[in-house]
N, C-alpha and C. Protein backbone atom coordinates (compact mmCIF):
# COMPACT_ATOMS: atom_id res chain seq x y z
N MET A 1 11.54 16.70 -21.66
CA MET A 1 11.19 15.36 -21.98
C MET A 1 12.33 14.38 -21.80
N SER A 2 12.08 13.20 -21.24
CA SER A 2 13.12 12.25 -21.13
C SER A 2 13.44 11.59 -22.45
N ALA A 3 14.46 10.75 -22.44
CA ALA A 3 14.94 10.01 -23.61
C ALA A 3 13.85 9.02 -24.13
N ASN A 4 12.95 8.52 -23.18
CA ASN A 4 11.85 7.65 -23.53
C ASN A 4 10.81 8.26 -24.44
N TRP A 5 10.75 9.50 -24.50
CA TRP A 5 9.71 10.16 -25.36
C TRP A 5 10.22 10.53 -26.73
N ILE A 6 11.53 10.33 -26.93
CA ILE A 6 12.12 10.73 -28.21
C ILE A 6 11.45 9.73 -29.35
N GLY A 7 10.81 10.30 -30.31
CA GLY A 7 10.21 9.43 -31.33
C GLY A 7 8.71 9.09 -31.00
N PHE A 8 8.22 9.61 -29.96
CA PHE A 8 6.84 9.31 -29.65
C PHE A 8 5.84 9.92 -30.61
N TYR A 9 6.11 11.13 -31.05
CA TYR A 9 5.27 11.87 -31.94
C TYR A 9 5.58 11.49 -33.39
N ASP A 10 6.57 10.71 -33.71
CA ASP A 10 6.85 10.43 -35.06
C ASP A 10 5.83 9.59 -35.79
N ASN A 11 4.92 8.96 -34.94
CA ASN A 11 3.77 8.22 -35.69
C ASN A 11 2.59 8.99 -36.00
N PHE A 12 2.65 10.20 -35.63
CA PHE A 12 1.48 11.09 -35.92
C PHE A 12 1.78 12.18 -36.91
N SER A 13 0.75 12.73 -37.54
CA SER A 13 0.99 13.73 -38.57
C SER A 13 1.27 15.10 -37.84
N GLU A 14 1.91 16.06 -38.45
CA GLU A 14 2.20 17.32 -37.77
C GLU A 14 0.95 18.08 -37.38
N SER A 15 -0.14 17.91 -38.25
CA SER A 15 -1.27 18.75 -37.90
C SER A 15 -2.01 18.10 -36.67
N GLN A 16 -1.96 16.75 -36.49
CA GLN A 16 -2.53 16.20 -35.34
C GLN A 16 -1.83 16.65 -34.01
N VAL A 17 -0.50 16.74 -34.10
CA VAL A 17 0.26 17.13 -32.91
C VAL A 17 -0.01 18.57 -32.57
N ARG A 18 -0.07 19.50 -33.67
CA ARG A 18 -0.28 20.88 -33.53
C ARG A 18 -1.64 21.15 -32.87
N GLN A 19 -2.66 20.36 -33.26
CA GLN A 19 -4.05 20.63 -32.88
C GLN A 19 -4.34 20.05 -31.44
N GLY A 20 -3.46 19.27 -30.95
CA GLY A 20 -3.68 18.70 -29.59
C GLY A 20 -4.50 17.56 -29.75
N GLU A 21 -4.62 16.75 -30.80
CA GLU A 21 -5.43 15.55 -30.88
C GLU A 21 -4.73 14.35 -30.23
N ILE A 22 -3.43 14.45 -30.10
CA ILE A 22 -2.68 13.31 -29.41
C ILE A 22 -2.49 13.57 -27.95
N THR A 23 -2.90 12.53 -27.24
CA THR A 23 -2.71 12.62 -25.75
C THR A 23 -1.66 11.76 -25.33
N MET A 24 -1.01 12.08 -24.19
CA MET A 24 0.09 11.24 -23.68
C MET A 24 -0.39 9.87 -23.20
N PRO A 25 0.36 8.84 -23.26
CA PRO A 25 -0.05 7.63 -22.72
C PRO A 25 -0.41 7.68 -21.21
N GLY A 26 -1.30 6.75 -20.77
CA GLY A 26 -1.66 6.69 -19.34
C GLY A 26 -0.59 6.22 -18.39
N SER A 27 -0.98 6.03 -17.14
CA SER A 27 -0.09 5.59 -16.19
C SER A 27 0.17 4.15 -16.29
N HIS A 28 0.78 3.55 -15.39
CA HIS A 28 1.02 2.09 -15.42
C HIS A 28 -0.20 1.25 -14.91
N GLY A 29 -1.24 1.21 -15.52
CA GLY A 29 -2.41 0.44 -15.20
C GLY A 29 -3.36 1.40 -14.42
N SER A 30 -4.65 0.87 -14.25
CA SER A 30 -5.69 1.72 -13.77
C SER A 30 -5.53 1.69 -12.15
N LEU A 31 -6.08 2.73 -11.48
CA LEU A 31 -5.99 2.84 -10.02
C LEU A 31 -6.98 1.83 -9.49
N THR A 32 -7.94 1.19 -10.18
CA THR A 32 -8.80 0.24 -9.63
C THR A 32 -8.12 -0.99 -9.35
N LYS A 33 -7.04 -1.30 -9.94
CA LYS A 33 -6.20 -2.55 -9.77
C LYS A 33 -5.14 -2.37 -8.71
N ALA A 34 -4.98 -1.16 -8.08
CA ALA A 34 -3.91 -0.95 -7.11
C ALA A 34 -4.14 -1.69 -5.83
N GLY A 35 -3.01 -2.42 -5.49
CA GLY A 35 -3.02 -3.07 -4.20
C GLY A 35 -3.73 -4.46 -4.18
N LYS A 36 -4.10 -4.97 -5.30
CA LYS A 36 -4.94 -6.22 -5.41
C LYS A 36 -3.97 -7.43 -4.92
N VAL A 37 -2.77 -7.49 -5.33
CA VAL A 37 -1.91 -8.61 -5.05
C VAL A 37 -1.57 -8.57 -3.57
N ARG A 38 -1.27 -7.43 -3.03
CA ARG A 38 -0.95 -7.39 -1.66
C ARG A 38 -2.05 -7.81 -0.68
N GLU A 39 -3.18 -7.25 -1.03
CA GLU A 39 -4.36 -7.56 -0.11
C GLU A 39 -4.80 -8.91 -0.23
N SER A 40 -4.59 -9.74 -1.36
CA SER A 40 -4.96 -11.10 -1.56
C SER A 40 -3.91 -12.09 -1.06
N THR A 41 -2.76 -11.56 -0.63
CA THR A 41 -1.66 -12.51 -0.15
C THR A 41 -1.86 -12.72 1.33
N PRO A 42 -1.82 -13.98 1.74
CA PRO A 42 -2.01 -14.34 3.16
C PRO A 42 -0.97 -13.70 4.00
N LYS A 43 -1.32 -13.26 5.16
CA LYS A 43 -0.41 -12.68 6.18
C LYS A 43 0.48 -13.69 6.82
N VAL A 44 1.73 -13.52 6.86
CA VAL A 44 2.69 -14.40 7.48
C VAL A 44 3.30 -13.75 8.68
N LYS A 45 3.16 -14.49 9.78
CA LYS A 45 3.65 -13.94 11.01
C LYS A 45 5.13 -13.99 11.02
N GLY A 46 5.82 -12.83 11.25
CA GLY A 46 7.18 -12.76 11.39
C GLY A 46 7.76 -13.34 12.67
N ARG A 47 8.93 -13.76 12.81
CA ARG A 47 9.52 -14.23 13.93
C ARG A 47 9.95 -13.11 14.84
N GLU A 48 9.74 -13.36 16.19
CA GLU A 48 10.13 -12.32 17.14
C GLU A 48 11.64 -12.21 17.20
N ARG A 49 12.04 -10.97 16.99
CA ARG A 49 13.54 -10.67 17.08
C ARG A 49 13.76 -9.77 18.33
N HIS A 50 14.80 -10.15 18.90
CA HIS A 50 15.21 -9.24 20.12
C HIS A 50 16.68 -9.29 20.13
N SER A 51 17.31 -8.15 20.52
CA SER A 51 18.81 -8.15 20.70
C SER A 51 19.10 -8.10 22.19
N PRO A 52 20.29 -8.47 22.65
CA PRO A 52 20.56 -8.43 24.03
C PRO A 52 20.50 -6.88 24.42
N ILE A 53 20.36 -6.65 25.76
CA ILE A 53 20.37 -5.35 26.21
C ILE A 53 21.72 -4.71 26.00
N PRO A 54 21.77 -3.42 25.77
CA PRO A 54 23.04 -2.77 25.47
C PRO A 54 24.26 -3.09 26.37
N ARG A 55 24.02 -3.23 27.72
CA ARG A 55 25.09 -3.37 28.62
C ARG A 55 25.71 -4.75 28.40
N VAL A 56 24.87 -5.78 28.16
CA VAL A 56 25.41 -7.08 27.87
C VAL A 56 26.08 -7.15 26.60
N ARG A 57 25.47 -6.57 25.49
CA ARG A 57 26.04 -6.43 24.11
C ARG A 57 27.45 -5.82 24.19
N ASN A 58 27.50 -4.63 24.91
CA ASN A 58 28.77 -3.96 24.84
C ASN A 58 29.92 -4.70 25.58
N LYS A 59 29.53 -5.42 26.70
CA LYS A 59 30.47 -6.18 27.41
C LYS A 59 31.01 -7.36 26.56
N ARG A 60 30.04 -7.96 25.76
CA ARG A 60 30.34 -9.12 24.91
C ARG A 60 31.38 -8.56 23.73
N ASN A 61 31.02 -7.43 23.28
CA ASN A 61 31.87 -6.90 22.12
C ASN A 61 33.22 -6.52 22.70
N PHE A 62 33.28 -5.94 23.81
CA PHE A 62 34.57 -5.50 24.40
C PHE A 62 35.49 -6.75 24.65
N HIS A 63 34.84 -7.82 25.22
CA HIS A 63 35.62 -8.98 25.38
C HIS A 63 36.19 -9.56 24.17
N LYS A 64 35.28 -9.65 23.10
CA LYS A 64 35.74 -10.19 21.82
C LYS A 64 36.82 -9.34 21.17
N ARG A 65 36.63 -8.10 21.16
CA ARG A 65 37.47 -7.15 20.50
C ARG A 65 38.88 -6.75 21.14
N VAL A 66 38.79 -6.56 22.48
CA VAL A 66 39.93 -6.05 23.24
C VAL A 66 40.58 -7.17 23.85
N ILE A 67 39.92 -8.03 24.66
CA ILE A 67 40.53 -9.10 25.47
C ILE A 67 41.05 -10.24 24.54
N GLN A 68 40.22 -10.65 23.66
CA GLN A 68 40.48 -11.76 22.82
C GLN A 68 41.27 -11.29 21.51
N GLY A 69 41.11 -10.08 21.13
CA GLY A 69 41.75 -9.49 20.04
C GLY A 69 41.34 -9.94 18.71
N GLN A 70 40.12 -10.26 18.64
CA GLN A 70 39.53 -10.53 17.34
C GLN A 70 39.29 -9.42 16.46
N VAL A 71 39.56 -9.51 15.22
CA VAL A 71 39.39 -8.41 14.30
C VAL A 71 38.03 -8.67 13.47
N ILE A 72 37.26 -7.66 13.30
CA ILE A 72 35.93 -7.75 12.75
C ILE A 72 35.93 -8.08 11.33
N GLY A 73 35.28 -9.17 10.87
CA GLY A 73 35.24 -9.46 9.40
C GLY A 73 36.44 -10.31 9.01
N VAL A 74 37.40 -10.72 9.83
CA VAL A 74 38.52 -11.49 9.45
C VAL A 74 38.50 -12.76 10.22
N ARG A 75 38.61 -13.91 9.48
CA ARG A 75 38.77 -15.18 10.22
C ARG A 75 40.13 -15.63 10.25
N LYS A 76 40.46 -16.32 11.38
CA LYS A 76 41.80 -16.79 11.37
C LYS A 76 41.88 -18.24 11.02
């Protein structure tokens, strides 16, 4: 048992616990409510993202890093 369950059975008599009359608490809400918020939220179209083709990207990075001598993450 995790630390959250320490003291859970303190509210019940020892005979109730021994006879199995105590049930564990349920899950976080009923399954009939699952997904209601997400399905009722309107769909928002994401913007189209595209990166340059690798050959162009690598050439640009080479020019910045080697030829110009810029260090990544540091501003001059």
